[in-house]
Amino acid sequence: MILLSSLSIVTPEIGLVFWATLIFVTLWIILGKKAFKPISNALEIRNKSISEAIAQAEKTRQEMAQMQADNANALQEAREHATKIINDAKDKGNQMVEEAQNKARLDAKRIMDDALAGIEAQKVAAIRDVKNSLGQLTVDMAAKVLSRELSDKQAQESYVNAEIDKINLN
C-alpha cells in the first residue's frame, strides 16, 4: 500500500480534480450539442416512425376486418340469392310438370270421349244394320210364307222353323 500512496492518481490533488471536472463538463457540453442532440433527434424520428407504423398497421387491421365483414355479407347475400334462384327454378319446374299433367289428363279425357262417341256411333250403326237386316229377313220370310200358300198349319210351322234355322246358321 505504501507504493500506491505515492501515486498522485490514487490521492488526487485539488488541481487534478479541477482540471478533470473541467474537461468532463466541457466534453459533456460538446457531446450534448454535437452528439446527444442528433442521437436524440434520431431516436425521436425513429419513435415517430414506429408509432406511425403501428397506427398504419392498426388502420390496415381495421380495414381488413371491415373487408372480411363486407365479404361475409356479400357471401351471405350470394347464398341467399342462389337459394332464391334454386327455389324459383324448383317452383317453375313443379308448375311445368303440373301443367303437363293437366294437359295430359285433358288430352286423355278428350281421346276417351272421342273413342266413346265413336263406339256409340258404331253401336248405333250396328243396331240399325241389325234392325234393317232383321226387317228385311222378316219381309223376305213373310214373302216366302205368303208365296207358298200352304193349307196345312203344321207344314207352315215346319217351314217357318226351317227358315229360322237357316237364319241362325248364316
Protein backbone atom coordinates (compact mmCIF):
# COMPACT_ATOMS: atom_id res chain seq x y z
CA MET A 1 0.00 0.00 0.00
CA ILE A 2 2.83 2.19 0.53
CA LEU A 3 3.60 2.03 -3.09
CA LEU A 4 0.13 3.10 -4.02
CA SER A 5 0.11 6.05 -1.68
CA SER A 6 2.95 7.65 -3.56
CA LEU A 7 0.96 7.82 -6.81
CA SER A 8 -0.94 11.04 -7.28
CA ILE A 9 -3.78 9.38 -9.13
CA VAL A 10 -4.91 7.47 -6.13
CA THR A 11 -4.91 10.53 -3.92
CA PRO A 12 -5.85 13.32 -6.25
CA GLU A 13 -4.94 16.82 -5.60
CA ILE A 14 -7.33 19.67 -5.94
CA GLY A 15 -5.88 20.86 -9.25
CA LEU A 16 -6.23 17.44 -10.81
CA VAL A 17 -9.85 17.21 -9.69
CA PHE A 18 -10.48 20.71 -11.04
CA TRP A 19 -9.00 20.02 -14.45
CA ALA A 20 -10.68 16.60 -14.70
CA THR A 21 -14.02 18.12 -13.85
CA LEU A 22 -13.49 20.99 -16.28
CA ILE A 23 -12.55 18.58 -19.10
CA PHE A 24 -15.50 16.33 -18.29
CA VAL A 25 -18.02 19.20 -18.25
CA THR A 26 -16.57 20.65 -21.47
CA LEU A 27 -16.65 17.26 -23.14
CA TRP A 28 -20.23 16.75 -21.90
CA ILE A 29 -21.35 20.11 -23.32
CA ILE A 30 -19.64 19.44 -26.67
CA LEU A 31 -21.12 15.94 -26.82
CA GLY A 32 -24.51 17.32 -25.81
CA LYS A 33 -24.53 19.78 -28.69
CA LYS A 34 -22.78 17.65 -31.30
CA ALA A 35 -23.75 14.07 -30.45
CA PHE A 36 -26.61 13.91 -27.98
CA LYS A 37 -28.98 16.18 -29.94
CA PRO A 38 -28.62 14.26 -33.24
CA ILE A 39 -28.91 10.97 -31.37
CA SER A 40 -31.96 12.30 -29.51
CA ASN A 41 -33.48 13.62 -32.74
CA ALA A 42 -32.79 10.29 -34.47
CA LEU A 43 -34.44 8.45 -31.57
CA GLU A 44 -37.47 10.78 -31.74
CA ILE A 45 -37.73 10.29 -35.52
CA ARG A 46 -37.42 6.53 -35.02
CA ASN A 47 -40.06 6.65 -32.28
CA LYS A 48 -42.42 8.65 -34.55
CA SER A 49 -41.89 6.24 -37.46
CA ILE A 50 -42.58 3.26 -35.19
CA SER A 51 -45.72 4.99 -33.85
CA GLU A 52 -46.84 5.76 -37.40
CA ALA A 53 -46.15 2.18 -38.46
CA ILE A 54 -48.18 0.88 -35.51
CA ALA A 55 -51.02 3.30 -36.35
CA GLN A 56 -50.88 2.26 -40.02
CA ALA A 57 -50.89 -1.41 -39.02
CA GLU A 58 -53.90 -0.82 -36.76
CA LYS A 59 -55.68 1.06 -39.55
CA THR A 60 -54.87 -1.76 -42.00
CA ARG A 61 -56.10 -4.34 -39.48
CA GLN A 62 -59.38 -2.42 -39.12
CA GLU A 63 -59.72 -2.15 -42.89
CA MET A 64 -59.08 -5.90 -43.22
CA ALA A 65 -61.69 -6.60 -40.55
CA GLN A 66 -64.15 -4.38 -42.43
CA MET A 67 -63.32 -6.12 -45.71
CA GLN A 68 -63.84 -9.51 -44.08
CA ALA A 69 -67.21 -8.36 -42.74
CA ASP A 70 -68.13 -6.99 -46.19
CA ASN A 71 -67.03 -10.25 -47.82
CA ALA A 72 -69.05 -12.26 -45.31
CA ASN A 73 -72.11 -10.10 -46.04
CA ALA A 74 -71.59 -10.41 -49.80
CA LEU A 75 -71.17 -14.18 -49.47
CA GLN A 76 -74.36 -14.41 -47.40
CA GLU A 77 -76.25 -12.32 -49.96
CA ALA A 78 -74.91 -14.52 -52.77
CA ARG A 79 -76.02 -17.65 -50.92
CA GLU A 80 -79.48 -16.17 -50.34
CA HIS A 81 -79.71 -15.16 -53.99
CA ALA A 82 -78.62 -18.64 -55.11
CA THR A 83 -81.17 -20.24 -52.78
CA LYS A 84 -83.88 -17.96 -54.17
CA ILE A 85 -82.92 -18.85 -57.76
CA ILE A 86 -82.95 -22.57 -56.92
CA ASN A 87 -86.34 -22.30 -55.20
CA ASP A 88 -87.76 -20.30 -58.11
CA ALA A 89 -86.45 -22.93 -60.55
CA LYS A 90 -88.00 -25.72 -58.46
CA ASP A 91 -91.33 -23.88 -58.32
CA LYS A 92 -91.23 -23.24 -62.08
CA GLY A 93 -90.37 -26.91 -62.71
CA ASN A 94 -93.18 -28.12 -60.46
CA GLN A 95 -95.58 -25.74 -62.19
CA MET A 96 -94.48 -27.00 -65.62
CA VAL A 97 -94.91 -30.63 -64.51
CA GLU A 98 -98.36 -29.86 -63.12
CA GLU A 99 -99.39 -28.09 -66.33
CA ALA A 100 -98.11 -31.02 -68.41
CA GLN A 101 -100.04 -33.48 -66.22
CA ASN A 102 -103.22 -31.41 -66.52
CA LYS A 103 -102.79 -31.19 -70.29
CA ALA A 104 -102.19 -34.94 -70.48
CA ARG A 105 -105.33 -35.57 -68.40
CA LEU A 106 -107.39 -33.29 -70.65
CA ASP A 107 -105.97 -34.95 -73.78
CA ALA A 108 -106.70 -38.42 -72.36
CA LYS A 109 -110.24 -37.37 -71.46
CA ARG A 110 -110.77 -35.90 -74.93
CA ILE A 111 -109.44 -39.10 -76.55
CA MET A 112 -111.66 -41.24 -74.30
CA ASP A 113 -114.68 -39.06 -75.10
CA ASP A 114 -113.90 -39.28 -78.83
CA ALA A 115 -113.45 -43.05 -78.56
CA LEU A 116 -116.72 -43.44 -76.62
CA ALA A 117 -118.52 -41.28 -79.17
CA GLY A 118 -117.06 -43.42 -81.99
CA ILE A 119 -118.05 -46.62 -80.21
CA GLU A 120 -121.54 -45.26 -79.61
CA ALA A 121 -121.85 -44.25 -83.29
CA GLN A 122 -120.68 -47.70 -84.39
CA LYS A 123 -123.08 -49.33 -81.93
CA VAL A 124 -125.98 -47.27 -83.28
CA ALA A 125 -124.95 -48.10 -86.85
CA ALA A 126 -124.65 -51.81 -85.97
CA ILE A 127 -128.06 -51.82 -84.29
CA ARG A 128 -129.56 -50.03 -87.28
CA ASP A 129 -127.93 -52.58 -89.63
CA VAL A 130 -129.20 -55.45 -87.50
CA LYS A 131 -132.69 -53.95 -87.43
CA ASN A 132 -132.59 -53.38 -91.17
CA SER A 133 -131.35 -56.92 -91.74
CA LEU A 134 -133.95 -58.33 -89.36
CA GLY A 135 -136.66 -56.30 -91.03
CA GLN A 136 -135.50 -57.45 -94.46
CA LEU A 137 -135.40 -61.06 -93.27
CA THR A 138 -138.87 -60.72 -91.81
CA VAL A 139 -140.18 -59.25 -95.02
CA ASP A 140 -138.44 -61.99 -97.05
CA MET A 141 -139.78 -64.68 -94.78
CA ALA A 142 -143.27 -63.26 -94.93
CA ALA A 143 -142.99 -63.12 -98.69
CA LYS A 144 -141.91 -66.74 -98.84
CA VAL A 145 -144.62 -67.80 -96.45
CA LEU A 146 -147.25 -65.93 -98.41
CA SER A 147 -145.93 -67.12 -101.74
CA ARG A 148 -146.22 -70.64 -100.64
CA GLU A 149 -149.75 -70.96 -99.79
CA LEU A 150 -149.90 -73.85 -97.57
CA SER A 151 -153.15 -75.19 -96.45
CA ASP A 152 -151.63 -77.16 -93.71
CA LYS A 153 -150.75 -75.34 -90.49
CA GLN A 154 -148.20 -77.92 -89.44
CA ALA A 155 -146.40 -77.69 -92.74
CA GLN A 156 -146.42 -73.91 -92.43
CA GLU A 157 -144.83 -74.07 -88.93
CA SER A 158 -142.16 -76.55 -90.05
CA TYR A 159 -141.39 -74.24 -92.99
CA VAL A 160 -141.01 -71.23 -90.65
CA ASN A 161 -138.78 -73.24 -88.29
CA ALA A 162 -136.61 -74.39 -91.19
CA GLU A 163 -136.20 -70.79 -92.34
CA ILE A 164 -135.30 -69.69 -88.78
CA ASP A 165 -132.66 -72.43 -88.63
CA LYS A 166 -131.20 -71.12 -91.88
CA ILE A 167 -131.03 -67.65 -90.40
CA ASN A 168 -129.22 -68.89 -87.27
CA LEU A 169 -126.70 -70.78 -89.42
CA ASN A 170 -125.85 -67.71 -91.51
